[in-house]
């Protein structure tokens, strides 16, 4: 009977930790992303971002404004997804474009946040950071480009 209790208790503990992670860590990032998009919309900056980034994002089959989701994803994956959701709710992204964008968001995965945390912890020389960040960006862009071919 104690074996069943351990399995059940492990499941309950895991569920509690997952809920805690979602509520305390992810939800604030997503809400912050929604707030940023609303502020950008109200300030009229969304259109400016769209115009500036349109030539680059067009390569991936995305509107220029989708760059806001990628920039946010550099800081927070959840935030990037929140921005993408907000853009989709505003009718600025199609389902196919969301698929392409989510690949980029996941491959960028809080790059700036984790660069210092992980690379600093394992004592990678800071002069290597730029190369590692550029490689990560290229992988994300390649992933979005190839996803565009299948969507």
C-alpha atoms as a PDB file:
ATOM      1  CA  UNK A   1       0.000   0.000   0.000  1.00  0.00           C
ATOM      2  CA  UNK A   2       2.874   2.399   0.700  1.00  0.00           C
ATOM      3  CA  UNK A   3       4.039   2.075  -2.929  1.00  0.00           C
ATOM      4  CA  UNK A   4       0.652   3.302  -4.172  1.00  0.00           C
ATOM      5  CA  UNK A   5       0.772   6.130  -1.676  1.00  0.00           C
ATOM      6  CA  UNK A   6       4.216   7.154  -2.935  1.00  0.00           C
ATOM      7  CA  UNK A   7       3.037   7.178  -6.553  1.00  0.00           C
ATOM      8  CA  UNK A   8      -0.102   9.116  -5.664  1.00  0.00           C
ATOM      9  CA  UNK A   9       1.830  11.509  -3.452  1.00  0.00           C
ATOM     10  CA  UNK A  10       4.412  12.038  -6.194  1.00  0.00           C
ATOM     11  CA  UNK A  11       1.619  12.875  -8.633  1.00  0.00           C
ATOM     12  CA  UNK A  12      -0.025  15.308  -6.196  1.00  0.00           C
ATOM     13  CA  UNK A  13       3.317  16.953  -5.394  1.00  0.00           C
ATOM     14  CA  UNK A  14       4.079  17.286  -9.100  1.00  0.00           C
ATOM     15  CA  UNK A  15       0.654  18.803  -9.777  1.00  0.00           C
ATOM     16  CA  UNK A  16       1.125  21.309  -6.952  1.00  0.00           C
ATOM     17  CA  UNK A  17       4.579  22.281  -8.222  1.00  0.00           C
ATOM     18  CA  UNK A  18       3.260  22.619 -11.763  1.00  0.00           C
ATOM     19  CA  UNK A  19       0.402  24.824 -10.628  1.00  0.00           C
ATOM     20  CA  UNK A  20       2.770  26.923  -8.543  1.00  0.00           C
ATOM     21  CA  UNK A  21       5.113  27.281 -11.534  1.00  0.00           C
ATOM     22  CA  UNK A  22       2.287  28.292 -13.843  1.00  0.00           C
ATOM     23  CA  UNK A  23       0.665  30.770 -11.482  1.00  0.00           C
ATOM     24  CA  UNK A  24       3.767  32.325  -9.954  1.00  0.00           C
ATOM     25  CA  UNK A  25       6.184  32.238 -12.893  1.00  0.00           C
ATOM     26  CA  UNK A  26       4.419  31.972 -16.240  1.00  0.00           C
ATOM     27  CA  UNK A  27       1.158  33.870 -15.705  1.00  0.00           C
ATOM     28  CA  UNK A  28       2.815  37.184 -14.740  1.00  0.00           C
ATOM     29  CA  UNK A  29       4.960  37.059 -17.901  1.00  0.00           C
ATOM     30  CA  UNK A  30       1.968  36.410 -20.135  1.00  0.00           C
ATOM     31  CA  UNK A  31      -0.079  39.166 -18.494  1.00  0.00           C
ATOM     32  CA  UNK A  32       2.873  41.545 -18.825  1.00  0.00           C
ATOM     33  CA  UNK A  33       3.076  40.700 -22.529  1.00  0.00           C
ATOM     34  CA  UNK A  34      -0.616  41.477 -23.020  1.00  0.00           C
ATOM     35  CA  UNK A  35      -0.094  44.791 -21.228  1.00  0.00           C
ATOM     36  CA  UNK A  36       2.909  45.673 -23.407  1.00  0.00           C
ATOM     37  CA  UNK A  37       0.954  45.015 -26.597  1.00  0.00           C
ATOM     38  CA  UNK A  38      -1.958  47.131 -25.374  1.00  0.00           C
ATOM     39  CA  UNK A  39       0.409  49.983 -24.492  1.00  0.00           C
ATOM     40  CA  UNK A  40       2.114  49.722 -27.889  1.00  0.00           C
ATOM     41  CA  UNK A  41      -1.290  49.743 -29.604  1.00  0.00           C
ATOM     42  CA  UNK A  42      -2.489  52.765 -27.644  1.00  0.00           C
ATOM     43  CA  UNK A  43       0.743  54.639 -28.333  1.00  0.00           C
ATOM     44  CA  UNK A  44       0.524  53.827 -32.038  1.00  0.00           C
ATOM     45  CA  UNK A  45       3.882  52.058 -31.955  1.00  0.00           C
ATOM     46  CA  UNK A  46       2.543  48.722 -33.204  1.00  0.00           C
ATOM     47  CA  UNK A  47       2.112  50.155 -36.690  1.00  0.00           C
ATOM     48  CA  UNK A  48       5.615  51.650 -36.622  1.00  0.00           C
ATOM     49  CA  UNK A  49       7.117  48.324 -35.540  1.00  0.00           C
ATOM     50  CA  UNK A  50       5.149  46.621 -38.309  1.00  0.00           C
ATOM     51  CA  UNK A  51       6.522  48.955 -40.973  1.00  0.00           C
ATOM     52  CA  UNK A  52      10.130  48.790 -39.752  1.00  0.00           C
ATOM     53  CA  UNK A  53      10.271  44.988 -39.448  1.00  0.00           C
ATOM     54  CA  UNK A  54       8.052  44.116 -42.426  1.00  0.00           C
ATOM     55  CA  UNK A  55      10.947  43.407 -44.858  1.00  0.00           C
ATOM     56  CA  UNK A  56      12.648  41.028 -42.420  1.00  0.00           C
ATOM     57  CA  UNK A  57       9.534  39.242 -41.207  1.00  0.00           C
ATOM     58  CA  UNK A  58       8.217  38.852 -44.767  1.00  0.00           C
ATOM     59  CA  UNK A  59      10.987  36.283 -45.361  1.00  0.00           C
ATOM     60  CA  UNK A  60       9.190  34.051 -42.847  1.00  0.00           C
ATOM     61  CA  UNK A  61       5.706  34.820 -44.169  1.00  0.00           C
ATOM     62  CA  UNK A  62       4.906  36.974 -41.149  1.00  0.00           C
ATOM     63  CA  UNK A  63       3.698  40.560 -40.789  1.00  0.00           C
ATOM     64  CA  UNK A  64       6.220  43.035 -39.405  1.00  0.00           C
ATOM     65  CA  UNK A  65       4.325  43.466 -36.146  1.00  0.00           C
ATOM     66  CA  UNK A  66       5.077  39.828 -35.258  1.00  0.00           C
ATOM     67  CA  UNK A  67       8.632  40.981 -34.461  1.00  0.00           C
ATOM     68  CA  UNK A  68       7.247  42.216 -31.138  1.00  0.00           C
ATOM     69  CA  UNK A  69       6.548  38.602 -30.132  1.00  0.00           C
ATOM     70  CA  UNK A  70      10.087  37.525 -31.037  1.00  0.00           C
ATOM     71  CA  UNK A  71      11.705  40.389 -29.163  1.00  0.00           C
ATOM     72  CA  UNK A  72       9.557  39.614 -26.127  1.00  0.00           C
ATOM     73  CA  UNK A  73      10.478  35.925 -26.430  1.00  0.00           C
ATOM     74  CA  UNK A  74      14.145  36.879 -26.022  1.00  0.00           C
ATOM     75  CA  UNK A  75      13.231  37.902 -22.485  1.00  0.00           C
ATOM     76  CA  UNK A  76      10.429  35.453 -21.719  1.00  0.00           C
ATOM     77  CA  UNK A  77       8.996  32.519 -23.665  1.00  0.00           C
ATOM     78  CA  UNK A  78       5.658  32.935 -21.903  1.00  0.00           C
ATOM     79  CA  UNK A  79       5.711  36.637 -22.688  1.00  0.00           C
ATOM     80  CA  UNK A  80       6.404  35.927 -26.360  1.00  0.00           C
ATOM     81  CA  UNK A  81       3.469  33.546 -26.459  1.00  0.00           C
ATOM     82  CA  UNK A  82       1.300  36.150 -24.753  1.00  0.00           C
ATOM     83  CA  UNK A  83       2.235  38.711 -27.400  1.00  0.00           C
ATOM     84  CA  UNK A  84       1.502  36.188 -30.166  1.00  0.00           C
ATOM     85  CA  UNK A  85      -1.880  35.422 -28.589  1.00  0.00           C
ATOM     86  CA  UNK A  86      -2.683  39.111 -28.347  1.00  0.00           C
ATOM     87  CA  UNK A  87      -1.757  39.660 -31.995  1.00  0.00           C
ATOM     88  CA  UNK A  88      -3.898  36.679 -32.995  1.00  0.00           C
ATOM     89  CA  UNK A  89      -6.857  37.974 -30.974  1.00  0.00           C
ATOM     90  CA  UNK A  90      -6.497  41.325 -32.745  1.00  0.00           C
ATOM     91  CA  UNK A  91      -6.712  39.483 -36.074  1.00  0.00           C
ATOM     92  CA  UNK A  92      -3.148  40.355 -37.091  1.00  0.00           C
ATOM     93  CA  UNK A  93      -1.970  36.734 -37.429  1.00  0.00           C
ATOM     94  CA  UNK A  94      -3.459  33.732 -39.213  1.00  0.00           C
ATOM     95  CA  UNK A  95      -3.263  30.196 -37.829  1.00  0.00           C
ATOM     96  CA  UNK A  96      -0.355  29.373 -40.160  1.00  0.00           C
ATOM     97  CA  UNK A  97       1.506  32.512 -39.131  1.00  0.00           C
ATOM     98  CA  UNK A  98       1.015  31.630 -35.473  1.00  0.00           C
ATOM     99  CA  UNK A  99       2.551  28.202 -36.141  1.00  0.00           C
ATOM    100  CA  UNK A 100       5.601  29.814 -37.749  1.00  0.00           C
ATOM    101  CA  UNK A 101       5.924  32.376 -34.982  1.00  0.00           C
ATOM    102  CA  UNK A 102       5.620  29.818 -32.175  1.00  0.00           C
ATOM    103  CA  UNK A 103       8.569  27.885 -33.606  1.00  0.00           C
ATOM    104  CA  UNK A 104      10.672  31.044 -33.364  1.00  0.00           C
ATOM    105  CA  UNK A 105       9.419  31.820 -29.875  1.00  0.00           C
ATOM    106  CA  UNK A 106      10.214  28.331 -28.605  1.00  0.00           C
ATOM    107  CA  UNK A 107      13.665  28.284 -30.203  1.00  0.00           C
ATOM    108  CA  UNK A 108      14.514  31.706 -28.765  1.00  0.00           C
ATOM    109  CA  UNK A 109      13.224  30.522 -25.368  1.00  0.00           C
ATOM    110  CA  UNK A 110      14.146  33.349 -22.968  1.00  0.00           C
ATOM    111  CA  UNK A 111      17.573  33.628 -24.562  1.00  0.00           C
ATOM    112  CA  UNK A 112      18.664  36.787 -22.745  1.00  0.00           C
ATOM    113  CA  UNK A 113      17.381  35.548 -19.390  1.00  0.00           C
ATOM    114  CA  UNK A 114      19.169  32.212 -19.613  1.00  0.00           C
ATOM    115  CA  UNK A 115      22.381  33.426 -21.219  1.00  0.00           C
ATOM    116  CA  UNK A 116      23.603  34.943 -17.978  1.00  0.00           C
ATOM    117  CA  UNK A 117      22.097  32.305 -15.721  1.00  0.00           C
ATOM    118  CA  UNK A 118      23.422  29.249 -17.499  1.00  0.00           C
ATOM    119  CA  UNK A 119      26.567  30.396 -19.271  1.00  0.00           C
ATOM    120  CA  UNK A 120      27.734  32.347 -16.241  1.00  0.00           C
ATOM    121  CA  UNK A 121      27.096  29.432 -13.922  1.00  0.00           C
ATOM    122  CA  UNK A 122      29.137  26.994 -16.009  1.00  0.00           C
ATOM    123  CA  UNK A 123      31.875  29.601 -16.409  1.00  0.00           C
ATOM    124  CA  UNK A 124      31.733  30.081 -20.195  1.00  0.00           C
ATOM    125  CA  UNK A 125      33.902  33.114 -20.998  1.00  0.00           C
ATOM    126  CA  UNK A 126      31.707  36.158 -21.624  1.00  0.00           C
ATOM    127  CA  UNK A 127      33.520  36.803 -24.923  1.00  0.00           C
ATOM    128  CA  UNK A 128      31.774  33.658 -26.254  1.00  0.00           C
ATOM    129  CA  UNK A 129      28.275  34.905 -25.399  1.00  0.00           C
ATOM    130  CA  UNK A 130      27.809  36.862 -28.621  1.00  0.00           C
ATOM    131  CA  UNK A 131      28.673  33.873 -30.799  1.00  0.00           C
ATOM    132  CA  UNK A 132      26.338  31.604 -28.836  1.00  0.00           C
ATOM    133  CA  UNK A 133      23.498  34.147 -29.045  1.00  0.00           C
ATOM    134  CA  UNK A 134      24.000  34.607 -32.802  1.00  0.00           C
ATOM    135  CA  UNK A 135      23.942  30.833 -33.352  1.00  0.00           C
ATOM    136  CA  UNK A 136      20.709  30.614 -31.356  1.00  0.00           C
ATOM    137  CA  UNK A 137      19.146  33.427 -33.403  1.00  0.00           C
ATOM    138  CA  UNK A 138      20.160  31.739 -36.662  1.00  0.00           C
ATOM    139  CA  UNK A 139      18.625  28.453 -35.521  1.00  0.00           C
ATOM    140  CA  UNK A 140      15.377  30.229 -34.612  1.00  0.00           C
ATOM    141  CA  UNK A 141      15.250  32.006 -37.972  1.00  0.00           C
ATOM    142  CA  UNK A 142      16.026  28.767 -39.829  1.00  0.00           C
ATOM    143  CA  UNK A 143      13.279  26.991 -37.884  1.00  0.00           C
ATOM    144  CA  UNK A 144      10.753  29.673 -38.831  1.00  0.00           C
ATOM    145  CA  UNK A 145      11.854  29.619 -42.477  1.00  0.00           C
ATOM    146  CA  UNK A 146      11.503  25.850 -42.759  1.00  0.00           C
ATOM    147  CA  UNK A 147       8.192  25.878 -40.913  1.00  0.00           C
ATOM    148  CA  UNK A 148       6.951  28.378 -43.501  1.00  0.00           C
ATOM    149  CA  UNK A 149       7.616  25.752 -46.183  1.00  0.00           C
ATOM    150  CA  UNK A 150       5.233  23.288 -44.500  1.00  0.00           C
ATOM    151  CA  UNK A 151       2.458  25.622 -43.360  1.00  0.00           C
END
